[in-house]
Amino acid sequence: MNRVPQFDPVIHAPGRLQICAILSAADEAEFATVREAIAVSDSVLSKHLKQLEEAGYVRLRKQAHAGRQRTWLSFTPAGRSAFAAHVAELTRLAGMTVPPMLGEGFSG
């Protein structure tokens, strides 16, 4: 029986997928660091984070540092688990493809 791919629609959007990849490699990440890493504006990152937070995948922590407010992002256990499952599904699908032989399919 073929299994229908089950992507997490909250995670699957490119910007949110990038955010999750960054958070999977760290306990916490600072808002500005993530914004620069995925090359988006504050407002775009905030919208992505709101969706991840509403899904229960990301926790935001605000802390004053050197006279300014900083926002730190981290996965919740549910977020870490959902991202791992999403990556497993992507990996499963990628494993189904047959890579072209070197030089095949290239016209140039």
Protein backbone atom coordinates (compact mmCIF):
# COMPACT_ATOMS: atom_id res chain seq x y z
CA MET A 1 0.00 0.00 0.00
CA ASN A 2 1.40 3.40 -0.96
CA ARG A 3 1.40 5.96 1.78
CA VAL A 4 0.22 9.46 0.92
CA PRO A 5 2.85 12.04 1.96
CA GLN A 6 1.90 13.71 5.22
CA PHE A 7 3.54 17.08 5.40
CA ASP A 8 2.98 19.45 8.27
CA PRO A 9 1.50 22.49 6.49
CA VAL A 10 2.66 24.80 9.28
CA ILE A 11 6.29 23.70 8.86
CA HIS A 12 6.33 23.11 5.09
CA ALA A 13 6.37 26.77 3.98
CA PRO A 14 9.96 27.65 2.99
CA GLY A 15 10.48 30.39 5.59
CA ARG A 16 9.10 28.31 8.44
CA LEU A 17 11.06 25.27 7.28
CA GLN A 18 14.25 27.36 7.46
CA ILE A 19 13.35 28.65 10.93
CA CYS A 20 12.74 25.10 12.13
CA ALA A 21 16.03 23.91 10.66
CA ILE A 22 17.87 26.64 12.57
CA LEU A 23 16.05 25.84 15.81
CA SER A 24 16.72 22.12 15.42
CA ALA A 25 20.44 22.82 15.75
CA ALA A 26 20.22 25.04 18.84
CA ASP A 27 18.54 25.29 22.21
CA GLU A 28 17.68 28.92 21.47
CA ALA A 29 18.25 31.41 18.67
CA GLU A 30 18.02 35.18 18.84
CA PHE A 31 15.40 36.84 16.61
CA ALA A 32 17.90 39.01 14.71
CA THR A 33 20.19 36.05 14.05
CA VAL A 34 17.34 34.04 12.55
CA ARG A 35 16.11 37.05 10.55
CA GLU A 36 19.56 37.51 9.01
CA ALA A 37 20.04 33.79 8.37
CA ILE A 38 16.85 33.50 6.34
CA ALA A 39 17.10 37.01 4.84
CA VAL A 40 13.64 38.34 5.65
CA SER A 41 12.26 41.48 7.27
CA ASP A 42 11.22 41.70 10.92
CA SER A 43 7.55 41.65 9.92
CA VAL A 44 7.89 38.54 7.73
CA LEU A 45 9.79 36.68 10.46
CA SER A 46 7.20 37.77 13.03
CA LYS A 47 4.37 36.38 10.87
CA HIS A 48 6.14 33.04 10.49
CA LEU A 49 6.86 32.89 14.22
CA LYS A 50 3.24 33.68 15.07
CA GLN A 51 2.08 30.69 13.01
CA LEU A 52 4.67 28.41 14.61
CA GLU A 53 3.79 29.70 18.07
CA GLU A 54 0.03 29.26 17.51
CA ALA A 55 0.68 25.65 16.45
CA GLY A 56 2.54 25.13 19.73
CA TYR A 57 5.86 24.51 17.96
CA VAL A 58 7.88 27.55 19.04
CA ARG A 59 8.24 29.45 22.29
CA LEU A 60 9.31 33.12 22.37
CA ARG A 61 11.18 34.57 25.32
CA LYS A 62 11.82 38.29 25.67
CA GLN A 63 14.69 39.60 27.75
CA ALA A 64 16.25 43.00 28.22
CA HIS A 65 19.94 43.05 27.38
CA ALA A 66 22.23 46.10 27.16
CA GLY A 67 19.27 48.43 27.32
CA ARG A 68 17.25 46.81 24.55
CA GLN A 69 14.62 44.12 24.38
CA ARG A 70 15.76 40.90 22.67
CA THR A 71 13.58 38.01 21.61
CA TRP A 72 14.81 34.43 21.84
CA LEU A 73 13.18 31.56 19.96
CA SER A 74 13.18 27.89 20.88
CA PHE A 75 11.37 24.73 19.89
CA THR A 76 8.77 23.26 22.19
CA PRO A 77 8.93 19.46 22.53
CA ALA A 78 5.94 19.27 20.15
CA GLY A 79 7.74 21.50 17.64
CA ARG A 80 10.93 19.45 17.74
CA SER A 81 8.90 16.26 17.24
CA ALA A 82 6.81 17.73 14.40
CA PHE A 83 9.93 18.97 12.60
CA ALA A 84 11.64 15.58 12.95
CA ALA A 85 8.56 13.86 11.49
CA HIS A 86 8.37 16.36 8.63
CA VAL A 87 12.05 15.86 7.79
CA ALA A 88 11.58 12.08 7.94
CA GLU A 89 8.78 12.33 5.39
CA LEU A 90 10.87 14.54 3.10
CA THR A 91 13.75 12.08 3.42
CA ARG A 92 11.45 9.16 2.62
CA LEU A 93 10.21 10.90 -0.51
CA ALA A 94 13.71 11.89 -1.59
CA GLY A 95 14.75 8.27 -1.27
CA MET A 96 12.08 7.29 -3.78
CA THR A 97 13.67 9.31 -6.56
CA VAL A 98 16.18 7.90 -8.98
CA PRO A 99 19.06 10.32 -9.49
CA PRO A 100 19.94 10.91 -13.15
CA MET A 101 23.18 9.48 -14.44
CA LEU A 102 25.98 12.01 -14.64
CA GLY A 103 25.46 14.04 -17.79
CA GLU A 104 21.91 12.80 -18.48
CA GLY A 105 19.23 15.37 -18.81
CA PHE A 106 21.70 18.18 -19.31
CA SER A 107 21.36 20.22 -22.43
CA GLY A 108 23.54 23.17 -22.61
